[in-house]
Amino acid sequence: MTLKEQILSFIFSFLAGIIIQLIYKFSYKYIYNVKKIYTFLNSLLLFTNITLIYFKIFYYINGGIINIYFLLITVLTFLYLNNKKFTKKM
């Protein structure tokens, strides 16, 4: 993997974490304010779609090579933005 592909992958992983957090925030009421079976199915469908889109874009960026640190950047960005929101309310 070239340096250019790695930089694009890092940037995409960071932006993907932000976008996933925004989608999660927008669809929160549709996921958790319904019956339990619908909650499970809605969250399964949402995160399956997000995962497929994430891997498809990575396929176009660097041929589908995904390292663990790209996933860590995405997850940590998502968690940081969610925790930041909760600490502001307190």
PDB file of N, CA and C in Angstrom:
ATOM      1  N   MET A   1       0.861  -1.165   0.000  1.00  0.00           N
ATOM      2  CA  MET A   1       0.000   0.000   0.000  1.00  0.00           C
ATOM      3  C   MET A   1       0.911   1.232   0.000  1.00  0.00           C
ATOM      4  N   THR A   2       0.628   2.141  -0.903  1.00  0.00           N
ATOM      5  CA  THR A   2       1.447   3.344  -0.997  1.00  0.00           C
ATOM      6  C   THR A   2       1.064   4.336   0.098  1.00  0.00           C
ATOM      7  N   LEU A   3       1.908   5.335   0.245  1.00  0.00           N
ATOM      8  CA  LEU A   3       1.659   6.360   1.267  1.00  0.00           C
ATOM      9  C   LEU A   3       0.391   7.141   0.951  1.00  0.00           C
ATOM     10  N   LYS A   4       0.154   7.415  -0.317  1.00  0.00           N
ATOM     11  CA  LYS A   4      -1.055   8.143  -0.717  1.00  0.00           C
ATOM     12  C   LYS A   4      -2.318   7.357  -0.351  1.00  0.00           C
ATOM     13  N   GLU A   5      -2.289   6.050  -0.584  1.00  0.00           N
ATOM     14  CA  GLU A   5      -3.442   5.211  -0.226  1.00  0.00           C
ATOM     15  C   GLU A   5      -3.651   5.170   1.282  1.00  0.00           C
ATOM     16  N   GLN A   6      -2.580   5.133   2.044  1.00  0.00           N
ATOM     17  CA  GLN A   6      -2.708   5.121   3.497  1.00  0.00           C
ATOM     18  C   GLN A   6      -3.284   6.424   4.020  1.00  0.00           C
ATOM     19  N   ILE A   7      -2.837   7.543   3.465  1.00  0.00           N
ATOM     20  CA  ILE A   7      -3.362   8.842   3.901  1.00  0.00           C
ATOM     21  C   ILE A   7      -4.834   8.962   3.552  1.00  0.00           C
ATOM     22  N   LEU A   8      -5.210   8.541   2.338  1.00  0.00           N
ATOM     23  CA  LEU A   8      -6.625   8.563   1.961  1.00  0.00           C
ATOM     24  C   LEU A   8      -7.447   7.645   2.869  1.00  0.00           C
ATOM     25  N   SER A   9      -6.891   6.506   3.226  1.00  0.00           N
ATOM     26  CA  SER A   9      -7.595   5.568   4.097  1.00  0.00           C
ATOM     27  C   SER A   9      -7.785   6.137   5.498  1.00  0.00           C
ATOM     28  N   PHE A  10      -6.757   6.802   6.032  1.00  0.00           N
ATOM     29  CA  PHE A  10      -6.885   7.440   7.350  1.00  0.00           C
ATOM     30  C   PHE A  10      -7.953   8.532   7.324  1.00  0.00           C
ATOM     31  N   ILE A  11      -7.913   9.371   6.311  1.00  0.00           N
ATOM     32  CA  ILE A  11      -8.892  10.456   6.205  1.00  0.00           C
ATOM     33  C   ILE A  11     -10.293   9.894   6.059  1.00  0.00           C
ATOM     34  N   PHE A  12     -10.444   8.885   5.200  1.00  0.00           N
ATOM     35  CA  PHE A  12     -11.758   8.281   5.024  1.00  0.00           C
ATOM     36  C   PHE A  12     -12.257   7.641   6.314  1.00  0.00           C
ATOM     37  N   SER A  13     -11.372   6.960   7.040  1.00  0.00           N
ATOM     38  CA  SER A  13     -11.784   6.320   8.294  1.00  0.00           C
ATOM     39  C   SER A  13     -12.259   7.349   9.310  1.00  0.00           C
ATOM     40  N   PHE A  14     -11.560   8.467   9.399  1.00  0.00           N
ATOM     41  CA  PHE A  14     -11.967   9.530  10.317  1.00  0.00           C
ATOM     42  C   PHE A  14     -13.317  10.117   9.906  1.00  0.00           C
ATOM     43  N   LEU A  15     -13.470  10.418   8.616  1.00  0.00           N
ATOM     44  CA  LEU A  15     -14.743  10.969   8.129  1.00  0.00           C
ATOM     45  C   LEU A  15     -15.876   9.959   8.240  1.00  0.00           C
ATOM     46  N   ALA A  16     -15.569   8.685   8.046  1.00  0.00           N
ATOM     47  CA  ALA A  16     -16.596   7.655   8.182  1.00  0.00           C
ATOM     48  C   ALA A  16     -17.104   7.592   9.613  1.00  0.00           C
ATOM     49  N   GLY A  17     -16.214   7.743  10.591  1.00  0.00           N
ATOM     50  CA  GLY A  17     -16.649   7.764  11.989  1.00  0.00           C
ATOM     51  C   GLY A  17     -17.594   8.918  12.267  1.00  0.00           C
ATOM     52  N   ILE A  18     -17.303  10.072  11.688  1.00  0.00           N
ATOM     53  CA  ILE A  18     -18.176  11.243  11.863  1.00  0.00           C
ATOM     54  C   ILE A  18     -19.521  11.004  11.189  1.00  0.00           C
ATOM     55  N   ILE A  19     -19.501  10.489   9.982  1.00  0.00           N
ATOM     56  CA  ILE A  19     -20.744  10.256   9.237  1.00  0.00           C
ATOM     57  C   ILE A  19     -21.591   9.188   9.912  1.00  0.00           C
ATOM     58  N   ILE A  20     -20.963   8.122  10.389  1.00  0.00           N
ATOM     59  CA  ILE A  20     -21.703   7.064  11.075  1.00  0.00           C
ATOM     60  C   ILE A  20     -22.348   7.610  12.345  1.00  0.00           C
ATOM     61  N   GLN A  21     -21.644   8.468  13.066  1.00  0.00           N
ATOM     62  CA  GLN A  21     -22.214   9.052  14.278  1.00  0.00           C
ATOM     63  C   GLN A  21     -23.409   9.935  13.939  1.00  0.00           C
ATOM     64  N   LEU A  22     -23.331  10.700  12.855  1.00  0.00           N
ATOM     65  CA  LEU A  22     -24.450  11.550  12.457  1.00  0.00           C
ATOM     66  C   LEU A  22     -25.655  10.722  12.023  1.00  0.00           C
ATOM     67  N   ILE A  23     -25.414   9.650  11.288  1.00  0.00           N
ATOM     68  CA  ILE A  23     -26.509   8.763  10.883  1.00  0.00           C
ATOM     69  C   ILE A  23     -27.139   8.104  12.106  1.00  0.00           C
ATOM     70  N   TYR A  24     -26.313   7.683  13.040  1.00  0.00           N
ATOM     71  CA  TYR A  24     -26.812   7.065  14.268  1.00  0.00           C
ATOM     72  C   TYR A  24     -27.650   8.053  15.070  1.00  0.00           C
ATOM     73  N   LYS A  25     -27.166   9.291  15.176  1.00  0.00           N
ATOM     74  CA  LYS A  25     -27.898  10.312  15.922  1.00  0.00           C
ATOM     75  C   LYS A  25     -29.233  10.619  15.250  1.00  0.00           C
ATOM     76  N   PHE A  26     -29.240  10.673  13.929  1.00  0.00           N
ATOM     77  CA  PHE A  26     -30.464  10.969  13.194  1.00  0.00           C
ATOM     78  C   PHE A  26     -31.482   9.838  13.317  1.00  0.00           C
ATOM     79  N   SER A  27     -31.016   8.599  13.284  1.00  0.00           N
ATOM     80  CA  SER A  27     -31.939   7.470  13.295  1.00  0.00           C
ATOM     81  C   SER A  27     -32.165   6.885  14.693  1.00  0.00           C
ATOM     82  N   TYR A  28     -31.701   7.545  15.736  1.00  0.00           N
ATOM     83  CA  TYR A  28     -31.821   7.031  17.104  1.00  0.00           C
ATOM     84  C   TYR A  28     -33.276   6.795  17.495  1.00  0.00           C
ATOM     85  N   LYS A  29     -34.152   7.734  17.190  1.00  0.00           N
ATOM     86  CA  LYS A  29     -35.555   7.573  17.600  1.00  0.00           C
ATOM     87  C   LYS A  29     -36.250   6.453  16.834  1.00  0.00           C
ATOM     88  N   TYR A  30     -35.797   6.166  15.614  1.00  0.00           N
ATOM     89  CA  TYR A  30     -36.392   5.076  14.848  1.00  0.00           C
ATOM     90  C   TYR A  30     -35.874   3.719  15.299  1.00  0.00           C
ATOM     91  N   ILE A  31     -34.711   3.712  15.925  1.00  0.00           N
ATOM     92  CA  ILE A  31     -34.141   2.447  16.364  1.00  0.00           C
ATOM     93  C   ILE A  31     -34.640   2.064  17.753  1.00  0.00           C
ATOM     94  N   TYR A  32     -34.675   3.008  18.689  1.00  0.00           N
ATOM     95  CA  TYR A  32     -34.909   2.654  20.086  1.00  0.00           C
ATOM     96  C   TYR A  32     -36.277   3.019  20.647  1.00  0.00           C
ATOM     97  N   ASN A  33     -37.129   3.659  19.899  1.00  0.00           N
ATOM     98  CA  ASN A  33     -38.445   4.017  20.425  1.00  0.00           C
ATOM     99  C   ASN A  33     -39.552   3.144  19.851  1.00  0.00           C
ATOM    100  N   VAL A  34     -39.231   1.904  19.564  1.00  0.00           N
ATOM    101  CA  VAL A  34     -40.213   0.950  19.046  1.00  0.00           C
ATOM    102  C   VAL A  34     -40.079  -0.349  19.830  1.00  0.00           C
ATOM    103  N   LYS A  35     -40.845  -1.366  19.427  1.00  0.00           N
ATOM    104  CA  LYS A  35     -40.780  -2.657  20.111  1.00  0.00           C
ATOM    105  C   LYS A  35     -39.382  -3.260  19.996  1.00  0.00           C
ATOM    106  N   LYS A  36     -39.096  -4.187  20.905  1.00  0.00           N
ATOM    107  CA  LYS A  36     -37.747  -4.773  20.968  1.00  0.00           C
ATOM    108  C   LYS A  36     -37.358  -5.495  19.679  1.00  0.00           C
ATOM    109  N   ILE A  37     -38.276  -6.202  19.061  1.00  0.00           N
ATOM    110  CA  ILE A  37     -37.939  -6.923  17.832  1.00  0.00           C
ATOM    111  C   ILE A  37     -37.628  -5.939  16.712  1.00  0.00           C
ATOM    112  N   TYR A  38     -38.349  -4.828  16.660  1.00  0.00           N
ATOM    113  CA  TYR A  38     -38.066  -3.810  15.647  1.00  0.00           C
ATOM    114  C   TYR A  38     -36.745  -3.105  15.944  1.00  0.00           C
ATOM    115  N   THR A  39     -36.440  -2.947  17.215  1.00  0.00           N
ATOM    116  CA  THR A  39     -35.161  -2.350  17.591  1.00  0.00           C
ATOM    117  C   THR A  39     -34.010  -3.203  17.079  1.00  0.00           C
ATOM    118  N   PHE A  40     -34.098  -4.497  17.291  1.00  0.00           N
ATOM    119  CA  PHE A  40     -33.055  -5.406  16.821  1.00  0.00           C
ATOM    120  C   PHE A  40     -32.941  -5.371  15.300  1.00  0.00           C
ATOM    121  N   LEU A  41     -34.063  -5.471  14.614  1.00  0.00           N
ATOM    122  CA  LEU A  41     -34.033  -5.500  13.156  1.00  0.00           C
ATOM    123  C   LEU A  41     -33.573  -4.172  12.556  1.00  0.00           C
ATOM    124  N   ASN A  42     -34.016  -3.062  13.116  1.00  0.00           N
ATOM    125  CA  ASN A  42     -33.592  -1.754  12.613  1.00  0.00           C
ATOM    126  C   ASN A  42     -32.104  -1.519  12.810  1.00  0.00           C
ATOM    127  N   SER A  43     -31.594  -1.848  13.974  1.00  0.00           N
ATOM    128  CA  SER A  43     -30.167  -1.637  14.212  1.00  0.00           C
ATOM    129  C   SER A  43     -29.326  -2.604  13.382  1.00  0.00           C
ATOM    130  N   LEU A  44     -29.784  -3.833  13.201  1.00  0.00           N
ATOM    131  CA  LEU A  44     -29.077  -4.786  12.357  1.00  0.00           C
ATOM    132  C   LEU A  44     -29.020  -4.298  10.913  1.00  0.00           C
ATOM    133  N   LEU A  45     -30.124  -3.826  10.406  1.00  0.00           N
ATOM    134  CA  LEU A  45     -30.168  -3.314   9.038  1.00  0.00           C
ATOM    135  C   LEU A  45     -29.309  -2.068   8.871  1.00  0.00           C
ATOM    136  N   LEU A  46     -29.373  -1.162   9.816  1.00  0.00           N
ATOM    137  CA  LEU A  46     -28.591   0.076   9.743  1.00  0.00           C
ATOM    138  C   LEU A  46     -27.094  -0.215   9.717  1.00  0.00           C
ATOM    139  N   PHE A  47     -26.616  -1.011  10.657  1.00  0.00           N
ATOM    140  CA  PHE A  47     -25.181  -1.252  10.739  1.00  0.00           C
ATOM    141  C   PHE A  47     -24.681  -2.209   9.656  1.00  0.00           C
ATOM    142  N   THR A  48     -25.546  -3.062   9.132  1.00  0.00           N
ATOM    143  CA  THR A  48     -25.163  -3.871   7.974  1.00  0.00           C
ATOM    144  C   THR A  48     -24.955  -2.987   6.757  1.00  0.00           C
ATOM    145  N   ASN A  49     -25.856  -2.056   6.530  1.00  0.00           N
ATOM    146  CA  ASN A  49     -25.714  -1.135   5.403  1.00  0.00           C
ATOM    147  C   ASN A  49     -24.483  -0.256   5.545  1.00  0.00           C
ATOM    148  N   ILE A  50     -24.255   0.257   6.733  1.00  0.00           N
ATOM    149  CA  ILE A  50     -23.082   1.108   6.959  1.00  0.00           C
ATOM    150  C   ILE A  50     -21.795   0.315   6.733  1.00  0.00           C
ATOM    151  N   THR A  51     -21.754  -0.918   7.210  1.00  0.00           N
ATOM    152  CA  THR A  51     -20.567  -1.754   7.041  1.00  0.00           C
ATOM    153  C   THR A  51     -20.310  -2.064   5.573  1.00  0.00           C
ATOM    154  N   LEU A  52     -21.348  -2.400   4.828  1.00  0.00           N
ATOM    155  CA  LEU A  52     -21.176  -2.693   3.408  1.00  0.00           C
ATOM    156  C   LEU A  52     -20.694  -1.474   2.629  1.00  0.00           C
ATOM    157  N   ILE A  53     -21.230  -0.325   2.936  1.00  0.00           N
ATOM    158  CA  ILE A  53     -20.798   0.906   2.268  1.00  0.00           C
ATOM    159  C   ILE A  53     -19.340   1.210   2.635  1.00  0.00           C
ATOM    160  N   TYR A  54     -18.980   1.027   3.889  1.00  0.00           N
ATOM    161  CA  TYR A  54     -17.611   1.278   4.353  1.00  0.00           C
ATOM    162  C   TYR A  54     -16.612   0.397   3.588  1.00  0.00           C
ATOM    163  N   PHE A  55     -16.903  -0.898   3.495  1.00  0.00           N
ATOM    164  CA  PHE A  55     -15.990  -1.803   2.812  1.00  0.00           C
ATOM    165  C   PHE A  55     -15.960  -1.567   1.305  1.00  0.00           C
ATOM    166  N   LYS A  56     -17.071  -1.200   0.729  1.00  0.00           N
ATOM    167  CA  LYS A  56     -17.104  -0.920  -0.709  1.00  0.00           C
ATOM    168  C   LYS A  56     -16.244   0.299  -1.045  1.00  0.00           C
ATOM    169  N   ILE A  57     -16.305   1.339  -0.239  1.00  0.00           N
ATOM    170  CA  ILE A  57     -15.479   2.524  -0.476  1.00  0.00           C
ATOM    171  C   ILE A  57     -14.006   2.181  -0.255  1.00  0.00           C
ATOM    172  N   PHE A  58     -13.705   1.362   0.738  1.00  0.00           N
ATOM    173  CA  PHE A  58     -12.321   0.934   0.933  1.00  0.00           C
ATOM    174  C   PHE A  58     -11.826   0.113  -0.255  1.00  0.00           C
ATOM    175  N   TYR A  59     -12.705  -0.633  -0.874  1.00  0.00           N
ATOM    176  CA  TYR A  59     -12.316  -1.385  -2.060  1.00  0.00           C
ATOM    177  C   TYR A  59     -11.888  -0.442  -3.178  1.00  0.00           C
ATOM    178  N   TYR A  60     -12.585   0.677  -3.326  1.00  0.00           N
ATOM    179  CA  TYR A  60     -12.216   1.653  -4.351  1.00  0.00           C
ATOM    180  C   TYR A  60     -10.960   2.442  -3.984  1.00  0.00           C
ATOM    181  N   ILE A  61     -10.728   2.683  -2.700  1.00  0.00           N
ATOM    182  CA  ILE A  61      -9.564   3.474  -2.295  1.00  0.00           C
ATOM    183  C   ILE A  61      -8.277   2.678  -2.456  1.00  0.00           C
ATOM    184  N   ASN A  62      -8.219   1.479  -1.884  1.00  0.00           N
ATOM    185  CA  ASN A  62      -6.952   0.753  -1.896  1.00  0.00           C
ATOM    186  C   ASN A  62      -7.085  -0.728  -2.201  1.00  0.00           C
ATOM    187  N   GLY A  63      -8.049  -1.099  -2.979  1.00  0.00           N
ATOM    188  CA  GLY A  63      -8.175  -2.493  -3.385  1.00  0.00           C
ATOM    189  C   GLY A  63      -8.716  -3.414  -2.321  1.00  0.00           C
ATOM    190  N   GLY A  64      -9.345  -2.892  -1.311  1.00  0.00           N
ATOM    191  CA  GLY A  64      -9.965  -3.710  -0.273  1.00  0.00           C
ATOM    192  C   GLY A  64      -9.056  -4.115   0.860  1.00  0.00           C
ATOM    193  N   ILE A  65      -7.883  -3.520   0.954  1.00  0.00           N
ATOM    194  CA  ILE A  65      -6.971  -3.837   2.055  1.00  0.00           C
ATOM    195  C   ILE A  65      -7.353  -2.979   3.255  1.00  0.00           C
ATOM    196  N   ILE A  66      -7.838  -3.643   4.281  1.00  0.00           N
ATOM    197  CA  ILE A  66      -8.272  -2.931   5.480  1.00  0.00           C
ATOM    198  C   ILE A  66      -7.431  -3.412   6.650  1.00  0.00           C
ATOM    199  N   ASN A  67      -6.708  -2.505   7.247  1.00  0.00           N
ATOM    200  CA  ASN A  67      -5.908  -2.825   8.423  1.00  0.00           C
ATOM    201  C   ASN A  67      -6.696  -2.490   9.679  1.00  0.00           C
ATOM    202  N   ILE A  68      -6.258  -3.064  10.782  1.00  0.00           N
ATOM    203  CA  ILE A  68      -6.976  -2.889  12.042  1.00  0.00           C
ATOM    204  C   ILE A  68      -6.987  -1.439  12.493  1.00  0.00           C
ATOM    205  N   TYR A  69      -5.952  -0.669  12.167  1.00  0.00           N
ATOM    206  CA  TYR A  69      -5.926   0.712  12.647  1.00  0.00           C
ATOM    207  C   TYR A  69      -6.921   1.592  11.897  1.00  0.00           C
ATOM    208  N   PHE A  70      -7.325   1.219  10.685  1.00  0.00           N
ATOM    209  CA  PHE A  70      -8.383   1.975  10.008  1.00  0.00           C
ATOM    210  C   PHE A  70      -9.717   1.780  10.719  1.00  0.00           C
ATOM    211  N   LEU A  71      -9.977   0.547  11.127  1.00  0.00           N
ATOM    212  CA  LEU A  71     -11.208   0.277  11.879  1.00  0.00           C
ATOM    213  C   LEU A  71     -11.180   0.943  13.248  1.00  0.00           C
ATOM    214  N   LEU A  72     -10.011   0.946  13.892  1.00  0.00           N
ATOM    215  CA  LEU A  72      -9.889   1.595  15.199  1.00  0.00           C
ATOM    216  C   LEU A  72     -10.142   3.097  15.100  1.00  0.00           C
ATOM    217  N   ILE A  73      -9.641   3.729  14.061  1.00  0.00           N
ATOM    218  CA  ILE A  73      -9.878   5.167  13.883  1.00  0.00           C
ATOM    219  C   ILE A  73     -11.372   5.441  13.725  1.00  0.00           C
ATOM    220  N   THR A  74     -12.048   4.626  12.941  1.00  0.00           N
ATOM    221  CA  THR A  74     -13.480   4.803  12.726  1.00  0.00           C
ATOM    222  C   THR A  74     -14.255   4.630  14.028  1.00  0.00           C
ATOM    223  N   VAL A  75     -13.979   3.563  14.753  1.00  0.00           N
ATOM    224  CA  VAL A  75     -14.708   3.276  15.994  1.00  0.00           C
ATOM    225  C   VAL A  75     -14.396   4.322  17.067  1.00  0.00           C
ATOM    226  N   LEU A  76     -13.143   4.696  17.205  1.00  0.00           N
ATOM    227  CA  LEU A  76     -12.783   5.688  18.226  1.00  0.00           C
ATOM    228  C   LEU A  76     -13.374   7.062  17.917  1.00  0.00           C
ATOM    229  N   THR A  77     -13.435   7.436  16.643  1.00  0.00           N
ATOM    230  CA  THR A  77     -14.080   8.706  16.275  1.00  0.00           C
ATOM    231  C   THR A  77     -15.556   8.668  16.628  1.00  0.00           C
ATOM    232  N   PHE A  78     -16.224   7.556  16.296  1.00  0.00           N
ATOM    233  CA  PHE A  78     -17.646   7.402  16.622  1.00  0.00           C
ATOM    234  C   PHE A  78     -17.872   7.483  18.129  1.00  0.00           C
ATOM    235  N   LEU A  79     -17.067   6.751  18.902  1.00  0.00           N
ATOM    236  CA  LEU A  79     -17.240   6.753  20.359  1.00  0.00           C
ATOM    237  C   LEU A  79     -16.917   8.110  20.971  1.00  0.00           C
ATOM    238  N   TYR A  80     -15.894   8.768  20.462  1.00  0.00           N
ATOM    239  CA  TYR A  80     -15.539  10.092  20.987  1.00  0.00           C
ATOM    240  C   TYR A  80     -16.668  11.090  20.764  1.00  0.00           C
ATOM    241  N   LEU A  81     -17.249  11.085  19.586  1.00  0.00           N
ATOM    242  CA  LEU A  81     -18.332  12.031  19.305  1.00  0.00           C
ATOM    243  C   LEU A  81     -19.575  11.722  20.116  1.00  0.00           C
ATOM    244  N   ASN A  82     -19.866  10.447  20.359  1.00  0.00           N
ATOM    245  CA  ASN A  82     -21.022  10.103  21.191  1.00  0.00           C
ATOM    246  C   ASN A  82     -20.786  10.476  22.650  1.00  0.00           C
ATOM    247  N   ASN A  83     -19.602  10.223  23.187  1.00  0.00           N
ATOM    248  CA  ASN A  83     -19.306  10.579  24.578  1.00  0.00           C
ATOM    249  C   ASN A  83     -19.221  12.071  24.763  1.00  0.00           C
ATOM    250  N   LYS A  84     -18.754  12.777  23.766  1.00  0.00           N
ATOM    251  CA  LYS A  84     -18.695  14.228  23.838  1.00  0.00           C
ATOM    252  C   LYS A  84     -20.096  14.811  23.982  1.00  0.00           C
ATOM    253  N   LYS A  85     -21.053  14.235  23.271  1.00  0.00           N
ATOM    254  CA  LYS A  85     -22.422  14.694  23.347  1.00  0.00           C
ATOM    255  C   LYS A  85     -23.017  14.463  24.737  1.00  0.00           C
ATOM    256  N   PHE A  86     -22.733  13.287  25.335  1.00  0.00           N
ATOM    257  CA  PHE A  86     -23.297  12.958  26.631  1.00  0.00           C
ATOM    258  C   PHE A  86     -22.678  13.793  27.751  1.00  0.00           C
ATOM    259  N   THR A  87     -21.413  14.133  27.660  1.00  0.00           N
ATOM    260  CA  THR A  87     -20.799  14.910  28.722  1.00  0.00           C
ATOM    261  C   THR A  87     -21.241  16.366  28.698  1.00  0.00           C
ATOM    262  N   LYS A  88     -21.660  16.874  27.541  1.00  0.00           N
ATOM    263  CA  LYS A  88     -22.156  18.244  27.487  1.00  0.00           C
ATOM    264  C   LYS A  88     -23.477  18.410  28.221  1.00  0.00           C
ATOM    265  N   LYS A  89     -24.307  17.344  28.249  1.00  0.00           N
ATOM    266  CA  LYS A  89     -25.609  17.432  28.902  1.00  0.00           C
ATOM    267  C   LYS A  89     -25.486  17.477  30.416  1.00  0.00           C
ATOM    268  N   MET A  90     -24.427  16.918  30.957  1.00  0.00           N
ATOM    269  CA  MET A  90     -24.279  16.856  32.406  1.00  0.00           C
ATOM    270  C   MET A  90     -23.824  18.158  32.882  1.00  0.00           C
TER     271      MET A  90
END
